[in-house]
Amino acid sequence: MLITRKIIILILPVILVPLSARSQLNDIGFGLGGLNVTGDISKKYELQNMRPAGNVFFRTNVSDAFGLRYGITGGWIQGKSRIDSDTSGISSFNLSIAEASFLMEYHFLDYKSKHSRIHWTPLLYFGIGVFMPIGGLGNDLGYSLIQPTIPLGFGFKYNINPKFDVGIEASSRITFFDYLDRVAGYDPDYRYGNKYNFDVYYYIGFTLYYTFYIIPCPYGYD
């Protein structure tokens, strides 16, 4: 919980500064896709474990190449073991998950310029966030259900017109938590519950962006 509070304290000033800046190009958007997870039960990325997810976000453009993105992601995760039995008695799990994140996003190409011959760009992003499992996960081992995460991702954007972009992205959410699949690090044979491997969840999806300007009034009113 102490780590989570420190992360929130670090995120808040970064969120508030761009919102108080002068005229800026900004995006709002949403995405639809899926979540997946690897951990002690699902040790490898399995496509059949993907479950529906979505996100909404606000993005402010610091420069043509660099932007800051604040978003909320939610969806379901599940995992199934290929082993029929185990010492813990758990061979599958499913739960929903909610995440709030702050991302730094980099565009490799100036794809929105009216002088550019291309209208697409690859992108990379990374950042920090917090997530919370919802339902299907008890707190019987005393873990905090609000946990930090480090999102790392890449994708592509295509500029349809000055107002709209579409994109696709894929990312991993690195956690410091070993209980998403309800199996913690206690198995001495490391068949399940390897305490040295934290659970990781993944997001892949399609995104629609809408671009607008924020132009603060030059005069203050009470």
C-alpha atoms as a PDB file:
ATOM      1  CA  MET A   1       0.000   0.000   0.000  1.00  0.00           C
ATOM      2  CA  LEU A   2       2.901   2.373   0.717  1.00  0.00           C
ATOM      3  CA  ILE A   3       4.268   1.820  -2.807  1.00  0.00           C
ATOM      4  CA  THR A   4       0.820   2.516  -4.275  1.00  0.00           C
ATOM      5  CA  ARG A   5       0.488   5.811  -2.380  1.00  0.00           C
ATOM      6  CA  LYS A   6       3.913   6.966  -3.563  1.00  0.00           C
ATOM      7  CA  ILE A   7       2.971   6.229  -7.179  1.00  0.00           C
ATOM      8  CA  ILE A   8      -0.304   8.166  -6.887  1.00  0.00           C
ATOM      9  CA  ILE A   9       1.560  11.147  -5.384  1.00  0.00           C
ATOM     10  CA  LEU A  10       3.995  11.069  -8.318  1.00  0.00           C
ATOM     11  CA  ILE A  11       1.218  10.812 -10.936  1.00  0.00           C
ATOM     12  CA  LEU A  12      -1.003  13.661  -9.745  1.00  0.00           C
ATOM     13  CA  PRO A  13       1.338  16.631 -10.429  1.00  0.00           C
ATOM     14  CA  VAL A  14       2.133  15.318 -13.907  1.00  0.00           C
ATOM     15  CA  ILE A  15      -1.585  15.038 -14.656  1.00  0.00           C
ATOM     16  CA  LEU A  16      -2.446  18.527 -13.435  1.00  0.00           C
ATOM     17  CA  VAL A  17       0.356  20.460 -15.180  1.00  0.00           C
ATOM     18  CA  PRO A  18      -0.697  19.806 -18.814  1.00  0.00           C
ATOM     19  CA  LEU A  19      -4.345  20.578 -18.028  1.00  0.00           C
ATOM     20  CA  SER A  20      -3.380  24.068 -16.897  1.00  0.00           C
ATOM     21  CA  ALA A  21      -1.129  24.799 -19.890  1.00  0.00           C
ATOM     22  CA  ARG A  22      -1.855  27.216 -22.719  1.00  0.00           C
ATOM     23  CA  SER A  23      -3.412  26.296 -26.076  1.00  0.00           C
ATOM     24  CA  GLN A  24      -2.648  22.676 -26.871  1.00  0.00           C
ATOM     25  CA  LEU A  25      -3.676  19.978 -29.305  1.00  0.00           C
ATOM     26  CA  ASN A  26      -5.376  17.166 -27.421  1.00  0.00           C
ATOM     27  CA  ASP A  27      -7.028  13.819 -28.068  1.00  0.00           C
ATOM     28  CA  ILE A  28      -9.799  11.919 -26.396  1.00  0.00           C
ATOM     29  CA  GLY A  29     -10.521   8.360 -27.379  1.00  0.00           C
ATOM     30  CA  PHE A  30     -11.578   4.869 -26.563  1.00  0.00           C
ATOM     31  CA  GLY A  31     -10.475   1.384 -27.471  1.00  0.00           C
ATOM     32  CA  LEU A  32     -11.895  -2.117 -27.624  1.00  0.00           C
ATOM     33  CA  GLY A  33      -9.827  -5.253 -27.384  1.00  0.00           C
ATOM     34  CA  GLY A  34      -8.844  -8.008 -25.013  1.00  0.00           C
ATOM     35  CA  LEU A  35      -6.872  -8.832 -21.869  1.00  0.00           C
ATOM     36  CA  ASN A  36      -4.661 -11.841 -21.264  1.00  0.00           C
ATOM     37  CA  VAL A  37      -2.463 -12.937 -18.370  1.00  0.00           C
ATOM     38  CA  THR A  38       0.541 -15.074 -17.544  1.00  0.00           C
ATOM     39  CA  GLY A  39       1.440 -16.289 -14.084  1.00  0.00           C
ATOM     40  CA  ASP A  40       1.722 -19.453 -12.030  1.00  0.00           C
ATOM     41  CA  ILE A  41      -1.263 -21.182 -13.654  1.00  0.00           C
ATOM     42  CA  SER A  42      -1.015 -19.836 -17.227  1.00  0.00           C
ATOM     43  CA  LYS A  43       2.732 -19.866 -17.665  1.00  0.00           C
ATOM     44  CA  LYS A  44       2.617 -18.995 -21.397  1.00  0.00           C
ATOM     45  CA  TYR A  45       0.595 -16.501 -23.421  1.00  0.00           C
ATOM     46  CA  GLU A  46      -2.417 -18.468 -24.687  1.00  0.00           C
ATOM     47  CA  LEU A  47      -4.806 -16.891 -27.208  1.00  0.00           C
ATOM     48  CA  GLN A  48      -7.736 -18.926 -25.889  1.00  0.00           C
ATOM     49  CA  ASN A  49      -7.383 -17.120 -22.545  1.00  0.00           C
ATOM     50  CA  MET A  50      -8.064 -13.684 -24.051  1.00  0.00           C
ATOM     51  CA  ARG A  51     -11.177 -11.959 -22.681  1.00  0.00           C
ATOM     52  CA  PRO A  52     -12.977  -8.665 -23.611  1.00  0.00           C
ATOM     53  CA  ALA A  53     -11.559  -5.328 -22.454  1.00  0.00           C
ATOM     54  CA  GLY A  54     -11.705  -1.641 -23.274  1.00  0.00           C
ATOM     55  CA  ASN A  55     -10.224   1.717 -22.370  1.00  0.00           C
ATOM     56  CA  VAL A  56     -10.924   5.448 -22.422  1.00  0.00           C
ATOM     57  CA  PHE A  57      -8.272   8.162 -22.278  1.00  0.00           C
ATOM     58  CA  PHE A  58      -7.263  11.803 -22.567  1.00  0.00           C
ATOM     59  CA  ARG A  59      -4.022  12.644 -24.400  1.00  0.00           C
ATOM     60  CA  THR A  60      -2.215  15.991 -24.521  1.00  0.00           C
ATOM     61  CA  ASN A  61       0.442  16.591 -27.185  1.00  0.00           C
ATOM     62  CA  VAL A  62       3.618  18.116 -25.789  1.00  0.00           C
ATOM     63  CA  SER A  63       5.190  18.181 -29.270  1.00  0.00           C
ATOM     64  CA  ASP A  64       4.595  16.621 -32.705  1.00  0.00           C
ATOM     65  CA  ALA A  65       6.345  13.469 -31.533  1.00  0.00           C
ATOM     66  CA  PHE A  66       5.711  13.297 -27.791  1.00  0.00           C
ATOM     67  CA  GLY A  67       2.468  13.138 -25.806  1.00  0.00           C
ATOM     68  CA  LEU A  68       1.138  12.380 -22.325  1.00  0.00           C
ATOM     69  CA  ARG A  69      -1.824  10.036 -21.958  1.00  0.00           C
ATOM     70  CA  TYR A  70      -4.087   9.435 -18.958  1.00  0.00           C
ATOM     71  CA  GLY A  71      -6.415   6.489 -19.197  1.00  0.00           C
ATOM     72  CA  ILE A  72      -8.669   3.932 -17.575  1.00  0.00           C
ATOM     73  CA  THR A  73      -8.684   0.315 -18.723  1.00  0.00           C
ATOM     74  CA  GLY A  74     -11.079  -2.410 -17.668  1.00  0.00           C
ATOM     75  CA  GLY A  75     -11.924  -5.963 -18.626  1.00  0.00           C
ATOM     76  CA  TRP A  76     -11.750  -9.616 -17.689  1.00  0.00           C
ATOM     77  CA  ILE A  77      -8.829 -12.013 -17.347  1.00  0.00           C
ATOM     78  CA  GLN A  78      -8.772 -15.773 -17.082  1.00  0.00           C
ATOM     79  CA  GLY A  79      -6.215 -18.556 -17.026  1.00  0.00           C
ATOM     80  CA  LYS A  80      -6.275 -22.325 -17.335  1.00  0.00           C
ATOM     81  CA  SER A  81      -3.589 -24.857 -16.509  1.00  0.00           C
ATOM     82  CA  ARG A  82      -2.530 -27.562 -18.951  1.00  0.00           C
ATOM     83  CA  ILE A  83      -1.806 -29.778 -15.931  1.00  0.00           C
ATOM     84  CA  ASP A  84      -4.803 -31.766 -14.706  1.00  0.00           C
ATOM     85  CA  SER A  85      -3.971 -31.654 -10.991  1.00  0.00           C
ATOM     86  CA  ASP A  86      -1.678 -29.697  -8.699  1.00  0.00           C
ATOM     87  CA  THR A  87      -0.806 -29.330  -5.049  1.00  0.00           C
ATOM     88  CA  SER A  88      -2.861 -26.170  -4.648  1.00  0.00           C
ATOM     89  CA  GLY A  89      -6.075 -27.630  -6.070  1.00  0.00           C
ATOM     90  CA  ILE A  90      -6.437 -24.628  -8.449  1.00  0.00           C
ATOM     91  CA  SER A  91      -6.371 -25.279 -12.206  1.00  0.00           C
ATOM     92  CA  SER A  92      -8.246 -22.191 -13.513  1.00  0.00           C
ATOM     93  CA  PHE A  93      -9.338 -18.700 -12.487  1.00  0.00           C
ATOM     94  CA  ASN A  94     -11.223 -15.686 -13.847  1.00  0.00           C
ATOM     95  CA  LEU A  95     -11.863 -12.180 -12.574  1.00  0.00           C
ATOM     96  CA  SER A  96     -12.367  -8.617 -13.751  1.00  0.00           C
ATOM     97  CA  ILE A  97      -9.715  -5.924 -13.444  1.00  0.00           C
ATOM     98  CA  ALA A  98      -9.629  -2.099 -13.478  1.00  0.00           C
ATOM     99  CA  GLU A  99      -6.573   0.078 -14.136  1.00  0.00           C
ATOM    100  CA  ALA A 100      -5.704   3.788 -14.099  1.00  0.00           C
ATOM    101  CA  SER A 101      -2.487   4.798 -15.865  1.00  0.00           C
ATOM    102  CA  PHE A 102      -0.259   7.673 -16.944  1.00  0.00           C
ATOM    103  CA  LEU A 103       1.648   6.978 -20.183  1.00  0.00           C
ATOM    104  CA  MET A 104       4.358   8.773 -22.131  1.00  0.00           C
ATOM    105  CA  GLU A 105       3.788   8.176 -25.850  1.00  0.00           C
ATOM    106  CA  TYR A 106       6.267   8.703 -28.709  1.00  0.00           C
ATOM    107  CA  HIS A 107       5.378   8.962 -32.422  1.00  0.00           C
ATOM    108  CA  PHE A 108       8.215   8.123 -34.816  1.00  0.00           C
ATOM    109  CA  LEU A 109       6.801   9.991 -37.844  1.00  0.00           C
ATOM    110  CA  ASP A 110       5.170  13.398 -38.331  1.00  0.00           C
ATOM    111  CA  TYR A 111       2.031  11.770 -39.692  1.00  0.00           C
ATOM    112  CA  LYS A 112      -0.443  14.619 -39.018  1.00  0.00           C
ATOM    113  CA  SER A 113       1.396  17.385 -40.842  1.00  0.00           C
ATOM    114  CA  LYS A 114      -0.428  18.702 -43.917  1.00  0.00           C
ATOM    115  CA  HIS A 115       2.936  18.666 -45.717  1.00  0.00           C
ATOM    116  CA  SER A 116       3.591  15.001 -44.970  1.00  0.00           C
ATOM    117  CA  ARG A 117       3.101  12.364 -47.663  1.00  0.00           C
ATOM    118  CA  ILE A 118       2.411   9.669 -45.108  1.00  0.00           C
ATOM    119  CA  HIS A 119      -0.525   9.556 -42.734  1.00  0.00           C
ATOM    120  CA  TRP A 120       0.537   6.803 -40.361  1.00  0.00           C
ATOM    121  CA  THR A 121       3.172   6.263 -37.704  1.00  0.00           C
ATOM    122  CA  PRO A 122       4.480   3.557 -35.387  1.00  0.00           C
ATOM    123  CA  LEU A 123       4.461   4.488 -31.714  1.00  0.00           C
ATOM    124  CA  LEU A 124       5.886   3.372 -28.394  1.00  0.00           C
ATOM    125  CA  TYR A 125       4.659   4.103 -24.893  1.00  0.00           C
ATOM    126  CA  PHE A 126       5.544   3.367 -21.297  1.00  0.00           C
ATOM    127  CA  GLY A 127       4.397   4.667 -17.955  1.00  0.00           C
ATOM    128  CA  ILE A 128       3.101   3.890 -14.497  1.00  0.00           C
ATOM    129  CA  GLY A 129      -0.295   3.008 -13.106  1.00  0.00           C
ATOM    130  CA  VAL A 130      -2.328   1.210 -10.502  1.00  0.00           C
ATOM    131  CA  PHE A 131      -4.732  -1.692 -10.959  1.00  0.00           C
ATOM    132  CA  MET A 132      -7.321  -3.451  -8.845  1.00  0.00           C
ATOM    133  CA  PRO A 133      -8.791  -6.961  -9.281  1.00  0.00           C
ATOM    134  CA  ILE A 134     -12.570  -6.916  -8.891  1.00  0.00           C
ATOM    135  CA  GLY A 135     -14.424 -10.063  -7.893  1.00  0.00           C
ATOM    136  CA  GLY A 136     -13.139 -13.616  -7.861  1.00  0.00           C
ATOM    137  CA  LEU A 137     -10.128 -12.757  -5.717  1.00  0.00           C
ATOM    138  CA  GLY A 138     -10.299 -12.871  -1.950  1.00  0.00           C
ATOM    139  CA  ASN A 139      -7.942 -11.068   0.354  1.00  0.00           C
ATOM    140  CA  ASP A 140      -7.280 -14.109   2.496  1.00  0.00           C
ATOM    141  CA  LEU A 141      -3.480 -13.798   2.276  1.00  0.00           C
ATOM    142  CA  GLY A 142      -3.491 -10.178   3.393  1.00  0.00           C
ATOM    143  CA  TYR A 143      -2.436  -8.604   0.071  1.00  0.00           C
ATOM    144  CA  SER A 144      -3.551  -5.108  -0.884  1.00  0.00           C
ATOM    145  CA  LEU A 145      -5.912  -5.311  -3.862  1.00  0.00           C
ATOM    146  CA  ILE A 146      -4.640  -1.949  -5.186  1.00  0.00           C
ATOM    147  CA  GLN A 147      -1.294  -2.623  -6.821  1.00  0.00           C
ATOM    148  CA  PRO A 148       1.245  -0.715  -8.961  1.00  0.00           C
ATOM    149  CA  THR A 149       1.913  -1.655 -12.578  1.00  0.00           C
ATOM    150  CA  ILE A 150       4.307  -0.592 -15.346  1.00  0.00           C
ATOM    151  CA  PRO A 151       2.671  -0.510 -18.821  1.00  0.00           C
ATOM    152  CA  LEU A 152       4.960  -1.022 -21.848  1.00  0.00           C
ATOM    153  CA  GLY A 153       3.486  -1.010 -25.351  1.00  0.00           C
ATOM    154  CA  PHE A 154       3.734  -0.309 -29.058  1.00  0.00           C
ATOM    155  CA  GLY A 155       1.304   0.265 -31.904  1.00  0.00           C
ATOM    156  CA  PHE A 156       0.392   2.087 -35.108  1.00  0.00           C
ATOM    157  CA  LYS A 157      -1.791   5.125 -35.846  1.00  0.00           C
ATOM    158  CA  TYR A 158      -3.446   6.224 -39.078  1.00  0.00           C
ATOM    159  CA  ASN A 159      -4.735   9.760 -39.646  1.00  0.00           C
ATOM    160  CA  ILE A 160      -8.155   9.656 -41.323  1.00  0.00           C
ATOM    161  CA  ASN A 161      -8.641  13.442 -41.325  1.00  0.00           C
ATOM    162  CA  PRO A 162      -7.636  16.402 -39.096  1.00  0.00           C
ATOM    163  CA  LYS A 163     -10.111  15.306 -36.416  1.00  0.00           C
ATOM    164  CA  PHE A 164      -9.917  11.510 -36.346  1.00  0.00           C
ATOM    165  CA  ASP A 165      -7.191   8.865 -36.043  1.00  0.00           C
ATOM    166  CA  VAL A 166      -7.504   5.102 -35.754  1.00  0.00           C
ATOM    167  CA  GLY A 167      -4.903   2.778 -34.305  1.00  0.00           C
ATOM    168  CA  ILE A 168      -3.957  -0.610 -32.981  1.00  0.00           C
ATOM    169  CA  GLU A 169      -1.822  -1.238 -29.911  1.00  0.00           C
ATOM    170  CA  ALA A 170      -0.421  -4.073 -27.832  1.00  0.00           C
ATOM    171  CA  SER A 171       1.112  -3.838 -24.377  1.00  0.00           C
ATOM    172  CA  SER A 172       2.207  -5.734 -21.328  1.00  0.00           C
ATOM    173  CA  ARG A 173       1.431  -4.623 -17.792  1.00  0.00           C
ATOM    174  CA  ILE A 174       4.308  -5.599 -15.528  1.00  0.00           C
ATOM    175  CA  THR A 175       3.164  -6.075 -11.935  1.00  0.00           C
ATOM    176  CA  PHE A 176       4.789  -6.689  -8.563  1.00  0.00           C
ATOM    177  CA  PHE A 177       1.954  -9.003  -7.569  1.00  0.00           C
ATOM    178  CA  ASP A 178       1.868 -12.814  -7.536  1.00  0.00           C
ATOM    179  CA  TYR A 179      -1.757 -13.468  -6.669  1.00  0.00           C
ATOM    180  CA  LEU A 180      -3.862 -12.556  -9.737  1.00  0.00           C
ATOM    181  CA  ASP A 181      -4.367 -16.264 -10.382  1.00  0.00           C
ATOM    182  CA  ARG A 182      -4.958 -16.946  -6.650  1.00  0.00           C
ATOM    183  CA  VAL A 183      -1.658 -18.854  -6.448  1.00  0.00           C
ATOM    184  CA  ALA A 184       1.138 -17.306  -4.396  1.00  0.00           C
ATOM    185  CA  GLY A 185       4.785 -18.286  -4.108  1.00  0.00           C
ATOM    186  CA  TYR A 186       4.684 -21.255  -1.765  1.00  0.00           C
ATOM    187  CA  ASP A 187       5.188 -24.382  -3.928  1.00  0.00           C
ATOM    188  CA  PRO A 188       8.669 -25.810  -3.144  1.00  0.00           C
ATOM    189  CA  ASP A 189       8.811 -27.643  -6.489  1.00  0.00           C
ATOM    190  CA  TYR A 190       7.993 -24.449  -8.476  1.00  0.00           C
ATOM    191  CA  ARG A 191       5.303 -26.375 -10.294  1.00  0.00           C
ATOM    192  CA  TYR A 192       3.003 -23.587  -9.141  1.00  0.00           C
ATOM    193  CA  GLY A 193       3.621 -20.432  -7.171  1.00  0.00           C
ATOM    194  CA  ASN A 194       7.145 -19.443  -8.205  1.00  0.00           C
ATOM    195  CA  LYS A 195       7.735 -16.471  -5.916  1.00  0.00           C
ATOM    196  CA  TYR A 196      10.377 -15.070  -8.283  1.00  0.00           C
ATOM    197  CA  ASN A 197       7.887 -14.609 -11.160  1.00  0.00           C
ATOM    198  CA  PHE A 198       5.251 -11.906 -10.754  1.00  0.00           C
ATOM    199  CA  ASP A 199       2.015 -12.113 -12.726  1.00  0.00           C
ATOM    200  CA  VAL A 200       1.813 -10.061 -15.956  1.00  0.00           C
ATOM    201  CA  TYR A 201      -1.330  -9.063 -17.835  1.00  0.00           C
ATOM    202  CA  TYR A 202      -1.563  -7.872 -21.439  1.00  0.00           C
ATOM    203  CA  TYR A 203      -3.829  -5.615 -23.487  1.00  0.00           C
ATOM    204  CA  ILE A 204      -4.316  -5.595 -27.263  1.00  0.00           C
ATOM    205  CA  GLY A 205      -6.970  -3.546 -29.034  1.00  0.00           C
ATOM    206  CA  PHE A 206      -8.175  -1.100 -31.663  1.00  0.00           C
ATOM    207  CA  THR A 207      -8.435   2.603 -30.818  1.00  0.00           C
ATOM    208  CA  LEU A 208     -10.357   5.629 -32.126  1.00  0.00           C
ATOM    209  CA  TYR A 209      -8.943   9.120 -31.418  1.00  0.00           C
ATOM    210  CA  TYR A 210     -10.736  12.476 -31.668  1.00  0.00           C
ATOM    211  CA  THR A 211      -8.505  15.594 -31.827  1.00  0.00           C
ATOM    212  CA  PHE A 212      -9.433  19.029 -30.466  1.00  0.00           C
ATOM    213  CA  TYR A 213      -7.839  22.203 -29.115  1.00  0.00           C
ATOM    214  CA  ILE A 214      -7.971  23.537 -25.568  1.00  0.00           C
ATOM    215  CA  ILE A 215      -7.672  27.347 -25.631  1.00  0.00           C
ATOM    216  CA  PRO A 216      -7.998  28.850 -22.138  1.00  0.00           C
ATOM    217  CA  CYS A 217      -9.680  32.244 -21.824  1.00  0.00           C
ATOM    218  CA  PRO A 218      -7.037  34.992 -21.409  1.00  0.00           C
ATOM    219  CA  TYR A 219      -9.132  36.763 -18.794  1.00  0.00           C
ATOM    220  CA  GLY A 220      -9.936  35.436 -15.351  1.00  0.00           C
ATOM    221  CA  TYR A 221     -13.394  35.508 -13.880  1.00  0.00           C
ATOM    222  CA  ASP A 222     -14.480  34.747 -10.353  1.00  0.00           C
END
